[in-house]
Amino acid sequence: MEHDNHTLLVHISDERGGGWTTVAIDRATRACAVAQRDTQLDAATSACRALYSS
């Protein structure tokens, strides 16, 4: 798990090898987004973009 003043990130690795799932949660509103990618960084980036894109 990672966090800052605005966002919580929960990283879950694939049990069978490669791949990551990241749940991004906005701390103020509790809105969330989920992304699955091959790397942890790509999953986190995609989840944050999905959460804050509007």
PDB file of N, CA and C in Angstrom:
ATOM      1  N   MET A   1       0.846  -1.156   0.000  1.00  0.00           N
ATOM      2  CA  MET A   1       0.000   0.000   0.000  1.00  0.00           C
ATOM      3  C   MET A   1       0.896   1.224   0.000  1.00  0.00           C
ATOM      4  N   GLU A   2       0.441   2.265  -0.698  1.00  0.00           N
ATOM      5  CA  GLU A   2       1.100   3.571  -0.714  1.00  0.00           C
ATOM      6  C   GLU A   2       0.034   4.625  -0.464  1.00  0.00           C
ATOM      7  N   HIS A   3       0.459   5.775   0.025  1.00  0.00           N
ATOM      8  CA  HIS A   3      -0.503   6.863   0.221  1.00  0.00           C
ATOM      9  C   HIS A   3       0.207   8.200   0.241  1.00  0.00           C
ATOM     10  N   ASP A   4      -0.568   9.230  -0.061  1.00  0.00           N
ATOM     11  CA  ASP A   4      -0.150  10.607   0.152  1.00  0.00           C
ATOM     12  C   ASP A   4      -1.370  11.344   0.696  1.00  0.00           C
ATOM     13  N   ASN A   5      -1.366  12.646   0.674  1.00  0.00           N
ATOM     14  CA  ASN A   5      -2.487  13.403   1.249  1.00  0.00           C
ATOM     15  C   ASN A   5      -3.781  13.266   0.463  1.00  0.00           C
ATOM     16  N   HIS A   6      -3.696  12.769  -0.782  1.00  0.00           N
ATOM     17  CA  HIS A   6      -4.882  12.726  -1.644  1.00  0.00           C
ATOM     18  C   HIS A   6      -5.348  11.325  -2.022  1.00  0.00           C
ATOM     19  N   THR A   7      -4.417  10.379  -2.104  1.00  0.00           N
ATOM     20  CA  THR A   7      -4.733   9.092  -2.717  1.00  0.00           C
ATOM     21  C   THR A   7      -4.156   7.926  -1.926  1.00  0.00           C
ATOM     22  N   LEU A   8      -4.930   6.845  -1.838  1.00  0.00           N
ATOM     23  CA  LEU A   8      -4.439   5.559  -1.337  1.00  0.00           C
ATOM     24  C   LEU A   8      -4.289   4.626  -2.541  1.00  0.00           C
ATOM     25  N   LEU A   9      -3.190   3.911  -2.620  1.00  0.00           N
ATOM     26  CA  LEU A   9      -2.977   2.915  -3.674  1.00  0.00           C
ATOM     27  C   LEU A   9      -2.764   1.559  -3.018  1.00  0.00           C
ATOM     28  N   VAL A  10      -3.553   0.580  -3.425  1.00  0.00           N
ATOM     29  CA  VAL A  10      -3.406  -0.784  -2.931  1.00  0.00           C
ATOM     30  C   VAL A  10      -2.947  -1.625  -4.114  1.00  0.00           C
ATOM     31  N   HIS A  11      -1.761  -2.251  -3.992  1.00  0.00           N
ATOM     32  CA  HIS A  11      -1.171  -3.052  -5.062  1.00  0.00           C
ATOM     33  C   HIS A  11      -1.334  -4.528  -4.733  1.00  0.00           C
ATOM     34  N   ILE A  12      -1.812  -5.291  -5.703  1.00  0.00           N
ATOM     35  CA  ILE A  12      -2.007  -6.730  -5.535  1.00  0.00           C
ATOM     36  C   ILE A  12      -1.294  -7.431  -6.686  1.00  0.00           C
ATOM     37  N   SER A  13      -0.346  -8.305  -6.353  1.00  0.00           N
ATOM     38  CA  SER A  13       0.389  -9.004  -7.410  1.00  0.00           C
ATOM     39  C   SER A  13      -0.373 -10.255  -7.829  1.00  0.00           C
ATOM     40  N   ASP A  14      -0.135 -10.652  -9.079  1.00  0.00           N
ATOM     41  CA  ASP A  14      -0.730 -11.878  -9.600  1.00  0.00           C
ATOM     42  C   ASP A  14      -0.064 -13.067  -8.915  1.00  0.00           C
ATOM     43  N   GLU A  15      -0.840 -13.973  -8.372  1.00  0.00           N
ATOM     44  CA  GLU A  15      -0.320 -15.140  -7.657  1.00  0.00           C
ATOM     45  C   GLU A  15       0.472 -16.077  -8.568  1.00  0.00           C
ATOM     46  N   ARG A  16       0.219 -16.010  -9.865  1.00  0.00           N
ATOM     47  CA  ARG A  16       0.839 -16.943 -10.799  1.00  0.00           C
ATOM     48  C   ARG A  16       2.021 -16.352 -11.559  1.00  0.00           C
ATOM     49  N   GLY A  17       2.532 -15.225 -11.138  1.00  0.00           N
ATOM     50  CA  GLY A  17       3.677 -14.649 -11.845  1.00  0.00           C
ATOM     51  C   GLY A  17       3.482 -13.180 -12.122  1.00  0.00           C
ATOM     52  N   GLY A  18       3.607 -12.799 -13.396  1.00  0.00           N
ATOM     53  CA  GLY A  18       3.528 -11.396 -13.790  1.00  0.00           C
ATOM     54  C   GLY A  18       2.141 -10.824 -13.677  1.00  0.00           C
ATOM     55  N   GLY A  19       2.090  -9.530 -13.588  1.00  0.00           N
ATOM     56  CA  GLY A  19       0.817  -8.833 -13.564  1.00  0.00           C
ATOM     57  C   GLY A  19       0.492  -8.230 -12.214  1.00  0.00           C
ATOM     58  N   TRP A  20      -0.138  -7.078 -12.259  1.00  0.00           N
ATOM     59  CA  TRP A  20      -0.507  -6.347 -11.046  1.00  0.00           C
ATOM     60  C   TRP A  20      -1.905  -5.777 -11.185  1.00  0.00           C
ATOM     61  N   THR A  21      -2.601  -5.700 -10.060  1.00  0.00           N
ATOM     62  CA  THR A  21      -3.868  -4.990  -9.952  1.00  0.00           C
ATOM     63  C   THR A  21      -3.647  -3.886  -8.926  1.00  0.00           C
ATOM     64  N   THR A  22      -4.070  -2.669  -9.266  1.00  0.00           N
ATOM     65  CA  THR A  22      -3.974  -1.555  -8.330  1.00  0.00           C
ATOM     66  C   THR A  22      -5.348  -0.937  -8.147  1.00  0.00           C
ATOM     67  N   VAL A  23      -5.706  -0.709  -6.899  1.00  0.00           N
ATOM     68  CA  VAL A  23      -6.923   0.016  -6.548  1.00  0.00           C
ATOM     69  C   VAL A  23      -6.482   1.399  -6.067  1.00  0.00           C
ATOM     70  N   ALA A  24      -6.972   2.440  -6.722  1.00  0.00           N
ATOM     71  CA  ALA A  24      -6.686   3.817  -6.326  1.00  0.00           C
ATOM     72  C   ALA A  24      -7.933   4.386  -5.668  1.00  0.00           C
ATOM     73  N   ILE A  25      -7.775   4.974  -4.491  1.00  0.00           N
ATOM     74  CA  ILE A  25      -8.911   5.508  -3.732  1.00  0.00           C
ATOM     75  C   ILE A  25      -8.630   6.966  -3.396  1.00  0.00           C
ATOM     76  N   ASP A  26      -9.567   7.835  -3.754  1.00  0.00           N
ATOM     77  CA  ASP A  26      -9.461   9.246  -3.386  1.00  0.00           C
ATOM     78  C   ASP A  26      -9.820   9.375  -1.906  1.00  0.00           C
ATOM     79  N   ARG A  27      -8.931   9.961  -1.127  1.00  0.00           N
ATOM     80  CA  ARG A  27      -9.131  10.014   0.319  1.00  0.00           C
ATOM     81  C   ARG A  27     -10.316  10.902   0.715  1.00  0.00           C
ATOM     82  N   ALA A  28     -10.547  11.970  -0.009  1.00  0.00           N
ATOM     83  CA  ALA A  28     -11.618  12.909   0.358  1.00  0.00           C
ATOM     84  C   ALA A  28     -13.006  12.368   0.034  1.00  0.00           C
ATOM     85  N   THR A  29     -13.146  11.757  -1.138  1.00  0.00           N
ATOM     86  CA  THR A  29     -14.479  11.343  -1.587  1.00  0.00           C
ATOM     87  C   THR A  29     -14.729   9.843  -1.485  1.00  0.00           C
ATOM     88  N   ARG A  30     -13.671   9.066  -1.324  1.00  0.00           N
ATOM     89  CA  ARG A  30     -13.716   7.596  -1.308  1.00  0.00           C
ATOM     90  C   ARG A  30     -14.085   7.011  -2.668  1.00  0.00           C
ATOM     91  N   ALA A  31     -14.036   7.837  -3.728  1.00  0.00           N
ATOM     92  CA  ALA A  31     -14.197   7.307  -5.083  1.00  0.00           C
ATOM     93  C   ALA A  31     -13.006   6.402  -5.372  1.00  0.00           C
ATOM     94  N   CYS A  32     -13.205   5.403  -6.244  1.00  0.00           N
ATOM     95  CA  CYS A  32     -12.100   4.488  -6.515  1.00  0.00           C
ATOM     96  C   CYS A  32     -12.075   4.078  -7.980  1.00  0.00           C
ATOM     97  N   ALA A  33     -10.914   3.574  -8.390  1.00  0.00           N
ATOM     98  CA  ALA A  33     -10.721   3.035  -9.736  1.00  0.00           C
ATOM     99  C   ALA A  33      -9.761   1.862  -9.622  1.00  0.00           C
ATOM    100  N   VAL A  34      -9.912   0.905 -10.527  1.00  0.00           N
ATOM    101  CA  VAL A  34      -9.085  -0.294 -10.524  1.00  0.00           C
ATOM    102  C   VAL A  34      -8.457  -0.456 -11.902  1.00  0.00           C
ATOM    103  N   ALA A  35      -7.175  -0.858 -11.914  1.00  0.00           N
ATOM    104  CA  ALA A  35      -6.493  -1.133 -13.184  1.00  0.00           C
ATOM    105  C   ALA A  35      -5.639  -2.384 -13.042  1.00  0.00           C
ATOM    106  N   GLN A  36      -5.555  -3.142 -14.127  1.00  0.00           N
ATOM    107  CA  GLN A  36      -4.692  -4.323 -14.180  1.00  0.00           C
ATOM    108  C   GLN A  36      -3.715  -4.135 -15.334  1.00  0.00           C
ATOM    109  N   ARG A  37      -2.419  -4.283 -15.030  1.00  0.00           N
ATOM    110  CA  ARG A  37      -1.369  -4.126 -16.030  1.00  0.00           C
ATOM    111  C   ARG A  37      -0.233  -5.104 -15.737  1.00  0.00           C
ATOM    112  N   ASP A  38       0.730  -5.162 -16.636  1.00  0.00           N
ATOM    113  CA  ASP A  38       1.865  -6.071 -16.477  1.00  0.00           C
ATOM    114  C   ASP A  38       2.831  -5.634 -15.384  1.00  0.00           C
ATOM    115  N   THR A  39       2.963  -4.337 -15.160  1.00  0.00           N
ATOM    116  CA  THR A  39       3.881  -3.849 -14.128  1.00  0.00           C
ATOM    117  C   THR A  39       3.111  -3.056 -13.072  1.00  0.00           C
ATOM    118  N   GLN A  40       3.693  -3.001 -11.878  1.00  0.00           N
ATOM    119  CA  GLN A  40       3.061  -2.265 -10.782  1.00  0.00           C
ATOM    120  C   GLN A  40       2.929  -0.788 -11.126  1.00  0.00           C
ATOM    121  N   LEU A  41       3.964  -0.213 -11.717  1.00  0.00           N
ATOM    122  CA  LEU A  41       3.923   1.208 -12.078  1.00  0.00           C
ATOM    123  C   LEU A  41       2.840   1.493 -13.102  1.00  0.00           C
ATOM    124  N   ASP A  42       2.721   0.645 -14.120  1.00  0.00           N
ATOM    125  CA  ASP A  42       1.685   0.844 -15.130  1.00  0.00           C
ATOM    126  C   ASP A  42       0.286   0.708 -14.534  1.00  0.00           C
ATOM    127  N   ALA A  43       0.103  -0.236 -13.628  1.00  0.00           N
ATOM    128  CA  ALA A  43      -1.203  -0.406 -12.984  1.00  0.00           C
ATOM    129  C   ALA A  43      -1.543   0.809 -12.130  1.00  0.00           C
ATOM    130  N   ALA A  44      -0.578   1.306 -11.375  1.00  0.00           N
ATOM    131  CA  ALA A  44      -0.813   2.482 -10.524  1.00  0.00           C
ATOM    132  C   ALA A  44      -1.112   3.717 -11.364  1.00  0.00           C
ATOM    133  N   THR A  45      -0.340   3.911 -12.416  1.00  0.00           N
ATOM    134  CA  THR A  45      -0.552   5.062 -13.293  1.00  0.00           C
ATOM    135  C   THR A  45      -1.935   5.010 -13.929  1.00  0.00           C
ATOM    136  N   SER A  46      -2.321   3.862 -14.435  1.00  0.00           N
ATOM    137  CA  SER A  46      -3.632   3.722 -15.081  1.00  0.00           C
ATOM    138  C   SER A  46      -4.778   3.917 -14.094  1.00  0.00           C
ATOM    139  N   ALA A  47      -4.644   3.374 -12.889  1.00  0.00           N
ATOM    140  CA  ALA A  47      -5.704   3.528 -11.887  1.00  0.00           C
ATOM    141  C   ALA A  47      -5.853   4.995 -11.480  1.00  0.00           C
ATOM    142  N   CYS A  48      -4.746   5.695 -11.296  1.00  0.00           N
ATOM    143  CA  CYS A  48      -4.813   7.116 -10.927  1.00  0.00           C
ATOM    144  C   CYS A  48      -5.400   7.959 -12.046  1.00  0.00           C
ATOM    145  N   ARG A  49      -5.004   7.669 -13.276  1.00  0.00           N
ATOM    146  CA  ARG A  49      -5.576   8.402 -14.416  1.00  0.00           C
ATOM    147  C   ARG A  49      -7.085   8.186 -14.491  1.00  0.00           C
ATOM    148  N   ALA A  50      -7.514   6.970 -14.293  1.00  0.00           N
ATOM    149  CA  ALA A  50      -8.951   6.673 -14.334  1.00  0.00           C
ATOM    150  C   ALA A  50      -9.691   7.366 -13.187  1.00  0.00           C
ATOM    151  N   LEU A  51      -9.072   7.413 -12.036  1.00  0.00           N
ATOM    152  CA  LEU A  51      -9.712   8.024 -10.856  1.00  0.00           C
ATOM    153  C   LEU A  51      -9.876   9.529 -11.032  1.00  0.00           C
ATOM    154  N   TYR A  52      -8.838  10.177 -11.555  1.00  0.00           N
ATOM    155  CA  TYR A  52      -8.838  11.638 -11.588  1.00  0.00           C
ATOM    156  C   TYR A  52      -9.109  12.230 -12.965  1.00  0.00           C
ATOM    157  N   SER A  53      -9.482  11.422 -13.940  1.00  0.00           N
ATOM    158  CA  SER A  53      -9.787  11.965 -15.254  1.00  0.00           C
ATOM    159  C   SER A  53     -11.230  12.424 -15.341  1.00  0.00           C
ATOM    160  N   SER A  54     -11.418  13.699 -15.382  1.00  0.00           N
ATOM    161  CA  SER A  54     -12.729  14.308 -15.628  1.00  0.00           C
ATOM    162  C   SER A  54     -12.616  15.795 -15.614  1.00  0.00           C
TER     163      SER A  54
END
